[in-house]
C-alpha atoms as a PDB file:
ATOM      1  CA  MET A   1    -171.590  42.371 -75.583  1.00  0.00           C
ATOM      2  CA  VAL A   2    -171.181  44.015 -78.982  1.00  0.00           C
ATOM      3  CA  PHE A   3    -171.688  40.637 -80.680  1.00  0.00           C
ATOM      4  CA  ILE A   4    -174.870  39.929 -78.695  1.00  0.00           C
ATOM      5  CA  ALA A   5    -176.314  43.354 -79.443  1.00  0.00           C
ATOM      6  CA  GLY A   6    -175.601  42.863 -83.110  1.00  0.00           C
ATOM      7  CA  LEU A   7    -177.233  39.418 -83.072  1.00  0.00           C
ATOM      8  CA  VAL A   8    -180.374  40.809 -81.387  1.00  0.00           C
ATOM      9  CA  ALA A   9    -180.577  43.568 -83.993  1.00  0.00           C
ATOM     10  CA  MET A  10    -180.403  40.981 -86.767  1.00  0.00           C
ATOM     11  CA  LEU A  11    -183.213  38.943 -85.241  1.00  0.00           C
ATOM     12  CA  LEU A  12    -185.566  41.919 -84.785  1.00  0.00           C
ATOM     13  CA  PRO A  13    -187.883  42.669 -87.735  1.00  0.00           C
ATOM     14  CA  ALA A  14    -186.648  45.534 -89.869  1.00  0.00           C
ATOM     15  CA  ARG A  15    -188.558  48.831 -89.576  1.00  0.00           C
ATOM     16  CA  THR A  16    -189.967  50.355 -92.710  1.00  0.00           C
ATOM     17  CA  TYR A  17    -190.522  54.048 -93.274  1.00  0.00           C
ATOM     18  CA  SER A  18    -192.991  55.482 -95.735  1.00  0.00           C
ATOM     19  CA  SER A  19    -194.435  58.883 -96.610  1.00  0.00           C
ATOM     20  CA  PRO A  20    -198.219  58.510 -96.729  1.00  0.00           C
ATOM     21  CA  LYS A  21    -199.809  60.025 -99.803  1.00  0.00           C
ATOM     22  CA  ASN A  22    -202.442  61.806 -97.733  1.00  0.00           C
ATOM     23  CA  ASN A  23    -199.993  63.617 -95.472  1.00  0.00           C
ATOM     24  CA  ASP A  24    -198.884  66.499 -97.678  1.00  0.00           C
ATOM     25  CA  SER A  25    -198.962  70.171 -96.786  1.00  0.00           C
ATOM     26  CA  VAL A  26    -200.102  73.246 -98.658  1.00  0.00           C
ATOM     27  CA  MET A  27    -198.582  76.583 -97.657  1.00  0.00           C
ATOM     28  CA  ILE A  28    -200.921  79.587 -97.528  1.00  0.00           C
ATOM     29  CA  VAL A  29    -199.165  82.936 -97.890  1.00  0.00           C
ATOM     30  CA  ILE A  30    -201.123  86.099 -97.094  1.00  0.00           C
ATOM     31  CA  GLU A  31    -199.691  89.227 -98.739  1.00  0.00           C
ATOM     32  CA  PRO A  32    -200.892  92.513 -97.126  1.00  0.00           C
ATOM     33  CA  VAL A  33    -201.167  95.246 -99.774  1.00  0.00           C
ATOM     34  CA  PHE A  34    -202.782  98.655-100.305  1.00  0.00           C
ATOM     35  CA  ASN A  35    -204.270  99.137-103.755  1.00  0.00           C
ATOM     36  CA  GLY A  36    -202.092  96.276-104.913  1.00  0.00           C
ATOM     37  CA  ALA A  37    -198.781  97.663-103.609  1.00  0.00           C
ATOM     38  CA  PRO A  38    -197.015  95.925-100.686  1.00  0.00           C
ATOM     39  CA  LEU A  39    -198.292  97.345 -97.408  1.00  0.00           C
ATOM     40  CA  LYS A  40    -195.718  99.164 -95.291  1.00  0.00           C
ATOM     41  CA  LEU A  41    -196.741 100.050 -91.780  1.00  0.00           C
ATOM     42  CA  ALA A  42    -196.237 103.370 -90.005  1.00  0.00           C
ATOM     43  CA  ASP A  43    -193.918 105.242 -92.364  1.00  0.00           C
ATOM     44  CA  GLN A  44    -195.628 104.936 -95.760  1.00  0.00           C
ATOM     45  CA  TYR A  45    -198.579 107.162 -96.583  1.00  0.00           C
ATOM     46  CA  TYR A  46    -201.494 106.035 -98.707  1.00  0.00           C
ATOM     47  CA  VAL A  47    -204.510 107.747-100.257  1.00  0.00           C
ATOM     48  CA  ASN A  48    -207.944 106.167-100.018  1.00  0.00           C
ATOM     49  CA  GLU A  49    -210.712 106.504-102.575  1.00  0.00           C
ATOM     50  CA  HIS A  50    -212.156 109.502-100.698  1.00  0.00           C
ATOM     51  CA  GLY A  51    -208.850 111.322-101.166  1.00  0.00           C
ATOM     52  CA  ASP A  52    -207.776 111.110 -97.526  1.00  0.00           C
ATOM     53  CA  THR A  53    -204.050 110.703 -96.933  1.00  0.00           C
ATOM     54  CA  LEU A  54    -203.383 108.128 -94.220  1.00  0.00           C
ATOM     55  CA  PHE A  55    -200.810 105.964 -92.504  1.00  0.00           C
ATOM     56  CA  ILE A  56    -201.572 102.426 -91.342  1.00  0.00           C
ATOM     57  CA  ASP A  57    -199.932 101.397 -88.069  1.00  0.00           C
ATOM     58  CA  LEU A  58    -201.686  98.106 -87.367  1.00  0.00           C
ATOM     59  CA  PHE A  59    -203.469  95.551 -89.571  1.00  0.00           C
ATOM     60  CA  ARG A  60    -204.640  92.241 -88.103  1.00  0.00           C
ATOM     61  CA  PHE A  61    -207.380  89.710 -88.757  1.00  0.00           C
ATOM     62  CA  TYR A  62    -208.356  86.129 -87.998  1.00  0.00           C
ATOM     63  CA  ILE A  63    -208.614  83.332 -90.546  1.00  0.00           C
ATOM     64  CA  THR A  64    -210.464  80.271 -89.237  1.00  0.00           C
ATOM     65  CA  ASN A  65    -212.283  77.202 -90.588  1.00  0.00           C
ATOM     66  CA  LEU A  66    -210.167  77.190 -93.737  1.00  0.00           C
ATOM     67  CA  GLN A  67    -210.954  74.675 -96.463  1.00  0.00           C
ATOM     68  CA  LEU A  68    -209.336  73.723 -99.752  1.00  0.00           C
ATOM     69  CA  ARG A  69    -211.822  72.234-102.193  1.00  0.00           C
ATOM     70  CA  SER A  70    -211.534  70.129-105.308  1.00  0.00           C
ATOM     71  CA  ASP A  71    -214.290  68.376-107.236  1.00  0.00           C
ATOM     72  CA  LYS A  72    -213.578  65.205-105.244  1.00  0.00           C
ATOM     73  CA  THR A  73    -212.439  66.169-101.770  1.00  0.00           C
ATOM     74  CA  VAL A  74    -212.199  68.862 -99.110  1.00  0.00           C
ATOM     75  CA  ALA A  75    -209.087  69.512 -97.015  1.00  0.00           C
ATOM     76  CA  LYS A  76    -209.874  71.196 -93.705  1.00  0.00           C
ATOM     77  CA  ASP A  77    -207.602  73.212 -91.449  1.00  0.00           C
ATOM     78  CA  VAL A  78    -208.713  73.038 -87.808  1.00  0.00           C
ATOM     79  CA  ASN A  79    -206.351  75.771 -86.635  1.00  0.00           C
ATOM     80  CA  SER A  80    -207.122  79.448 -86.059  1.00  0.00           C
ATOM     81  CA  HIS A  81    -204.651  81.907 -87.571  1.00  0.00           C
ATOM     82  CA  LEU A  82    -204.050  85.484 -86.471  1.00  0.00           C
ATOM     83  CA  VAL A  83    -202.556  87.297 -89.467  1.00  0.00           C
ATOM     84  CA  ASP A  84    -200.599  90.386 -88.427  1.00  0.00           C
ATOM     85  CA  ALA A  85    -198.990  92.559 -91.112  1.00  0.00           C
ATOM     86  CA  GLU A  86    -196.264  93.476 -88.625  1.00  0.00           C
ATOM     87  CA  VAL A  87    -195.271  89.849 -87.980  1.00  0.00           C
ATOM     88  CA  THR A  88    -194.033  88.227 -91.171  1.00  0.00           C
ATOM     89  CA  TYR A  89    -194.260  84.626 -90.017  1.00  0.00           C
ATOM     90  CA  SER A  90    -197.937  85.064 -89.089  1.00  0.00           C
ATOM     91  CA  CYS A  91    -198.690  85.641 -92.774  1.00  0.00           C
ATOM     92  CA  ARG A  92    -197.607  82.088 -93.665  1.00  0.00           C
ATOM     93  CA  PHE A  93    -199.174  78.887 -92.418  1.00  0.00           C
ATOM     94  CA  ALA A  94    -199.534  75.307 -93.564  1.00  0.00           C
ATOM     95  CA  VAL A  95    -202.624  73.212 -94.164  1.00  0.00           C
ATOM     96  CA  ASN A  96    -201.508  69.704 -93.250  1.00  0.00           C
ATOM     97  CA  ASN A  97    -202.721  66.249 -94.274  1.00  0.00           C
ATOM     98  CA  VAL A  98    -203.977  67.350 -97.673  1.00  0.00           C
ATOM     99  CA  ALA A  99    -204.911  64.463 -99.937  1.00  0.00           C
ATOM    100  CA  GLU A 100    -203.497  64.378-103.441  1.00  0.00           C
ATOM    101  CA  GLY A 101    -205.680  66.210-105.912  1.00  0.00           C
ATOM    102  CA  ASN A 102    -206.344  69.369-107.882  1.00  0.00           C
ATOM    103  CA  TYR A 103    -207.752  72.048-105.581  1.00  0.00           C
ATOM    104  CA  THR A 104    -209.505  74.925-107.288  1.00  0.00           C
ATOM    105  CA  SER A 105    -210.920  77.072-104.487  1.00  0.00           C
ATOM    106  CA  LEU A 106    -210.193  78.315-100.983  1.00  0.00           C
ATOM    107  CA  HIS A 107    -212.818  79.061 -98.329  1.00  0.00           C
ATOM    108  CA  PHE A 108    -212.515  80.420 -94.792  1.00  0.00           C
ATOM    109  CA  THR A 109    -214.149  82.445 -92.069  1.00  0.00           C
ATOM    110  CA  LEU A 110    -212.806  85.966 -91.753  1.00  0.00           C
ATOM    111  CA  GLY A 111    -213.007  86.266 -87.994  1.00  0.00           C
ATOM    112  CA  VAL A 112    -213.989  83.828 -85.263  1.00  0.00           C
ATOM    113  CA  ASP A 113    -217.232  81.859 -85.339  1.00  0.00           C
ATOM    114  CA  SER A 114    -219.902  82.060 -82.655  1.00  0.00           C
ATOM    115  CA  VAL A 115    -219.026  78.653 -81.182  1.00  0.00           C
ATOM    116  CA  THR A 116    -215.431  79.705 -80.507  1.00  0.00           C
ATOM    117  CA  ASN A 117    -216.633  83.026 -79.146  1.00  0.00           C
ATOM    118  CA  THR A 118    -218.973  81.409 -76.655  1.00  0.00           C
ATOM    119  CA  ASN A 119    -216.249  79.020 -75.471  1.00  0.00           C
ATOM    120  CA  GLY A 120    -214.424  81.941 -73.857  1.00  0.00           C
ATOM    121  CA  ALA A 121    -210.736  82.787 -74.155  1.00  0.00           C
ATOM    122  CA  ASN A 122    -208.456  80.180 -75.731  1.00  0.00           C
ATOM    123  CA  GLY A 123    -204.729  79.687 -76.262  1.00  0.00           C
ATOM    124  CA  GLY A 124    -202.359  79.989 -79.221  1.00  0.00           C
ATOM    125  CA  ASP A 125    -203.387  82.569 -81.799  1.00  0.00           C
ATOM    126  CA  LEU A 126    -206.658  82.955 -79.883  1.00  0.00           C
ATOM    127  CA  ASP A 127    -204.887  83.916 -76.651  1.00  0.00           C
ATOM    128  CA  PRO A 128    -206.189  87.265 -75.307  1.00  0.00           C
ATOM    129  CA  VAL A 129    -202.577  88.392 -74.896  1.00  0.00           C
ATOM    130  CA  ASN A 130    -202.615  89.027 -78.663  1.00  0.00           C
ATOM    131  CA  GLY A 131    -204.916  91.982 -78.140  1.00  0.00           C
ATOM    132  CA  MET A 132    -207.820  90.561 -80.149  1.00  0.00           C
ATOM    133  CA  TYR A 133    -210.215  89.697 -77.330  1.00  0.00           C
ATOM    134  CA  TRP A 134    -212.783  91.848 -75.570  1.00  0.00           C
ATOM    135  CA  ALA A 135    -212.864  90.663 -71.967  1.00  0.00           C
ATOM    136  CA  TRP A 136    -215.728  93.070 -71.251  1.00  0.00           C
ATOM    137  CA  ASN A 137    -217.735  91.682 -74.144  1.00  0.00           C
ATOM    138  CA  SER A 138    -216.596  88.044 -73.886  1.00  0.00           C
ATOM    139  CA  GLY A 139    -215.769  87.816 -77.561  1.00  0.00           C
ATOM    140  CA  TYR A 140    -213.095  88.164 -80.178  1.00  0.00           C
ATOM    141  CA  ILE A 141    -212.239  91.087 -82.410  1.00  0.00           C
ATOM    142  CA  MET A 142    -212.508  89.672 -85.927  1.00  0.00           C
ATOM    143  CA  ALA A 143    -210.232  92.241 -87.521  1.00  0.00           C
ATOM    144  CA  LYS A 144    -208.409  95.362 -86.427  1.00  0.00           C
ATOM    145  CA  MET A 145    -207.101  98.406 -88.281  1.00  0.00           C
ATOM    146  CA  GLU A 146    -205.358 101.389 -86.686  1.00  0.00           C
ATOM    147  CA  GLY A 147    -203.606 104.360 -88.225  1.00  0.00           C
ATOM    148  CA  ARG A 148    -203.441 108.130 -88.622  1.00  0.00           C
ATOM    149  CA  SER A 149    -204.794 110.758 -90.964  1.00  0.00           C
ATOM    150  CA  ASN A 150    -204.671 114.538 -90.708  1.00  0.00           C
ATOM    151  CA  VAL A 151    -208.385 114.661 -91.508  1.00  0.00           C
ATOM    152  CA  CYS A 152    -209.214 112.848 -88.255  1.00  0.00           C
ATOM    153  CA  LYS A 153    -210.218 115.306 -85.539  1.00  0.00           C
ATOM    154  CA  THR A 154    -208.953 112.986 -82.828  1.00  0.00           C
ATOM    155  CA  ARG A 155    -205.938 112.813 -80.525  1.00  0.00           C
ATOM    156  CA  HIS A 156    -202.814 112.250 -82.640  1.00  0.00           C
ATOM    157  CA  HIS A 157    -205.172 112.251 -85.676  1.00  0.00           C
ATOM    158  CA  ALA A 158    -205.745 108.546 -85.008  1.00  0.00           C
ATOM    159  CA  PHE A 159    -208.370 106.253 -86.456  1.00  0.00           C
ATOM    160  CA  GLU A 160    -209.283 102.912 -84.872  1.00  0.00           C
ATOM    161  CA  PHE A 161    -211.471 100.193 -86.328  1.00  0.00           C
ATOM    162  CA  HIS A 162    -211.870  97.192 -84.006  1.00  0.00           C
ATOM    163  CA  ILE A 163    -214.478  95.038 -85.707  1.00  0.00           C
ATOM    164  CA  GLY A 164    -216.162  92.350 -83.635  1.00  0.00           C
ATOM    165  CA  GLY A 165    -219.457  91.021 -82.424  1.00  0.00           C
ATOM    166  CA  TYR A 166    -221.208  87.742 -83.077  1.00  0.00           C
ATOM    167  CA  MET A 167    -224.709  88.065 -81.625  1.00  0.00           C
ATOM    168  CA  PRO A 168    -227.483  88.391 -84.241  1.00  0.00           C
ATOM    169  CA  PRO A 169    -228.224  90.681 -85.903  1.00  0.00           C
ATOM    170  CA  TYR A 170    -224.683  92.016 -85.426  1.00  0.00           C
ATOM    171  CA  ASN A 171    -222.434  89.109 -86.370  1.00  0.00           C
ATOM    172  CA  ALA A 172    -219.201  90.525 -87.831  1.00  0.00           C
ATOM    173  CA  ALA A 173    -217.751  87.170 -88.954  1.00  0.00           C
ATOM    174  CA  ARG A 174    -217.740  86.817 -92.729  1.00  0.00           C
ATOM    175  CA  THR A 175    -217.277  83.925 -95.153  1.00  0.00           C
ATOM    176  CA  VAL A 176    -214.659  84.292 -97.890  1.00  0.00           C
ATOM    177  CA  SER A 177    -214.606  82.151-101.038  1.00  0.00           C
ATOM    178  CA  ILE A 178    -211.753  82.483-103.519  1.00  0.00           C
ATOM    179  CA  THR A 179    -211.428  80.764-106.885  1.00  0.00           C
ATOM    180  CA  LEU A 180    -207.774  80.063-107.622  1.00  0.00           C
ATOM    181  CA  PRO A 181    -206.293  81.251-110.945  1.00  0.00           C
ATOM    182  CA  GLU A 182    -205.060  77.724-111.538  1.00  0.00           C
ATOM    183  CA  ALA A 183    -205.466  74.437-109.739  1.00  0.00           C
ATOM    184  CA  ALA A 184    -203.300  73.848-106.685  1.00  0.00           C
ATOM    185  CA  VAL A 185    -201.974  70.431-107.581  1.00  0.00           C
ATOM    186  CA  VAL A 186    -201.044  68.429-104.495  1.00  0.00           C
ATOM    187  CA  LYS A 187    -198.752  65.463-105.052  1.00  0.00           C
ATOM    188  CA  SER A 188    -196.860  63.330-102.581  1.00  0.00           C
ATOM    189  CA  GLY A 189    -193.402  64.760-102.023  1.00  0.00           C
ATOM    190  CA  GLY A 190    -194.232  68.066-103.729  1.00  0.00           C
ATOM    191  CA  LYS A 191    -194.740  71.517-102.274  1.00  0.00           C
ATOM    192  CA  THR A 192    -197.690  73.729-103.147  1.00  0.00           C
ATOM    193  CA  VAL A 193    -197.893  77.411-102.207  1.00  0.00           C
ATOM    194  CA  ILE A 194    -201.042  79.516-102.560  1.00  0.00           C
ATOM    195  CA  HIS A 195    -200.602  83.299-102.426  1.00  0.00           C
ATOM    196  CA  ILE A 196    -203.548  85.425-101.302  1.00  0.00           C
ATOM    197  CA  LYS A 197    -203.524  89.236-101.371  1.00  0.00           C
ATOM    198  CA  ALA A 198    -205.250  91.114 -98.547  1.00  0.00           C
ATOM    199  CA  ASP A 199    -205.869  94.695 -99.697  1.00  0.00           C
ATOM    200  CA  ALA A 200    -206.266  97.093 -96.768  1.00  0.00           C
ATOM    201  CA  ALA A 201    -207.727  99.726 -99.108  1.00  0.00           C
ATOM    202  CA  ALA A 202    -211.023  97.801 -99.044  1.00  0.00           C
ATOM    203  CA  TRP A 203    -211.565  98.950 -95.451  1.00  0.00           C
ATOM    204  CA  PHE A 204    -211.964 102.546 -96.622  1.00  0.00           C
ATOM    205  CA  THR A 205    -214.537 102.021 -99.371  1.00  0.00           C
ATOM    206  CA  GLY A 206    -217.057 104.830 -98.998  1.00  0.00           C
ATOM    207  CA  VAL A 207    -215.415 106.052 -95.787  1.00  0.00           C
ATOM    208  CA  ASP A 208    -214.776 109.726 -94.985  1.00  0.00           C
ATOM    209  CA  LEU A 209    -212.228 109.585 -92.168  1.00  0.00           C
ATOM    210  CA  SER A 210    -213.134 113.083 -91.012  1.00  0.00           C
ATOM    211  CA  ARG A 211    -216.570 111.717 -90.104  1.00  0.00           C
ATOM    212  CA  GLN A 212    -216.009 108.039 -89.391  1.00  0.00           C
ATOM    213  CA  ASN A 213    -212.754 107.229 -87.653  1.00  0.00           C
ATOM    214  CA  SER A 214    -213.550 105.074 -84.611  1.00  0.00           C
ATOM    215  CA  ILE A 215    -215.504 101.831 -84.227  1.00  0.00           C
ATOM    216  CA  MET A 216    -214.772  99.986 -80.993  1.00  0.00           C
ATOM    217  CA  ILE A 217    -218.000  98.103 -80.216  1.00  0.00           C
ATOM    218  CA  PRO A 218    -220.222  95.539 -81.967  1.00  0.00           C
ATOM    219  CA  GLY A 219    -223.127  96.938 -83.919  1.00  0.00           C
ATOM    220  CA  LYS A 220    -224.443  98.146 -87.235  1.00  0.00           C
ATOM    221  CA  GLU A 221    -221.360 100.232 -88.086  1.00  0.00           C
ATOM    222  CA  ALA A 222    -218.999  97.354 -87.359  1.00  0.00           C
ATOM    223  CA  CYS A 223    -220.978  95.017 -89.615  1.00  0.00           C
ATOM    224  CA  ALA A 224    -220.979  97.629 -92.386  1.00  0.00           C
ATOM    225  CA  VAL A 225    -217.167  97.757 -92.286  1.00  0.00           C
ATOM    226  CA  ALA A 226    -217.022  93.941 -92.268  1.00  0.00           C
ATOM    227  CA  ASP A 227    -219.163  93.931 -95.415  1.00  0.00           C
ATOM    228  CA  LYS A 228    -216.488  96.106 -97.060  1.00  0.00           C
ATOM    229  CA  TYR A 229    -213.293  94.443 -95.898  1.00  0.00           C
ATOM    230  CA  VAL A 230    -214.537  90.934 -96.700  1.00  0.00           C
ATOM    231  CA  LYS A 231    -213.845  91.934-100.313  1.00  0.00           C
ATOM    232  CA  MET A 232    -210.147  92.621 -99.677  1.00  0.00           C
ATOM    233  CA  PHE A 233    -209.012  89.100-100.644  1.00  0.00           C
ATOM    234  CA  THR A 234    -207.917  88.127-104.127  1.00  0.00           C
ATOM    235  CA  ALA A 235    -206.021  85.105-105.371  1.00  0.00           C
ATOM    236  CA  GLY A 236    -202.388  85.552-106.285  1.00  0.00           C
ATOM    237  CA  ALA A 237    -200.037  83.002-107.780  1.00  0.00           C
ATOM    238  CA  VAL A 238    -200.142  79.262-107.180  1.00  0.00           C
ATOM    239  CA  THR A 239    -196.660  77.757-107.249  1.00  0.00           C
ATOM    240  CA  HIS A 240    -195.433  74.179-107.162  1.00  0.00           C
ATOM    241  CA  GLU A 241    -191.983  73.104-106.064  1.00  0.00           C
END
């Protein structure tokens, strides 16, 4: 029986294995910071530009429709990513099937687009169990910030910014475009990592927490905050391994 099995194996055509050149991955690493310093939740106090001392307890946002662009090609990521400063692994994700090339910019939607919103609740990172979906409003929260400041005249001195809404004129989704400090060179068999800083301080630009400390519905105020925090992203290092 052993002889027969061996003979059959010899007669069968040999399998070949190859690593396709267009099947490489690029790792995106989001680094939550506050004024450039690593963000620490709950037990580290920060001072915003208004001079308010504050603690940040929660910092989450969606990244969707991500694209890497070079002068010749575009690599698209079809996945939706919920980045949560409290969950380290959520701050790292791969863009798969990236063709070889020199990619010089990164583009994505900060939030969830209107098509996804109108499709109702989804699974994965878009699952309502993640606390980023308004069942009453049938739509996603694009980004969420919660914390405390003694200047807030609220219970437990809390502030809450839940920024959502997608119906014109109050669409809180924003487009982010980032030029990389150097080209992300993708080669077969190599590993490319793009670091992006997300600075929570941008949320508080022009904000007096004693006056504005709660936004929980779509509208003009929510869109004004979205206009501020869309500027929180800057390119960090690009590394190749």
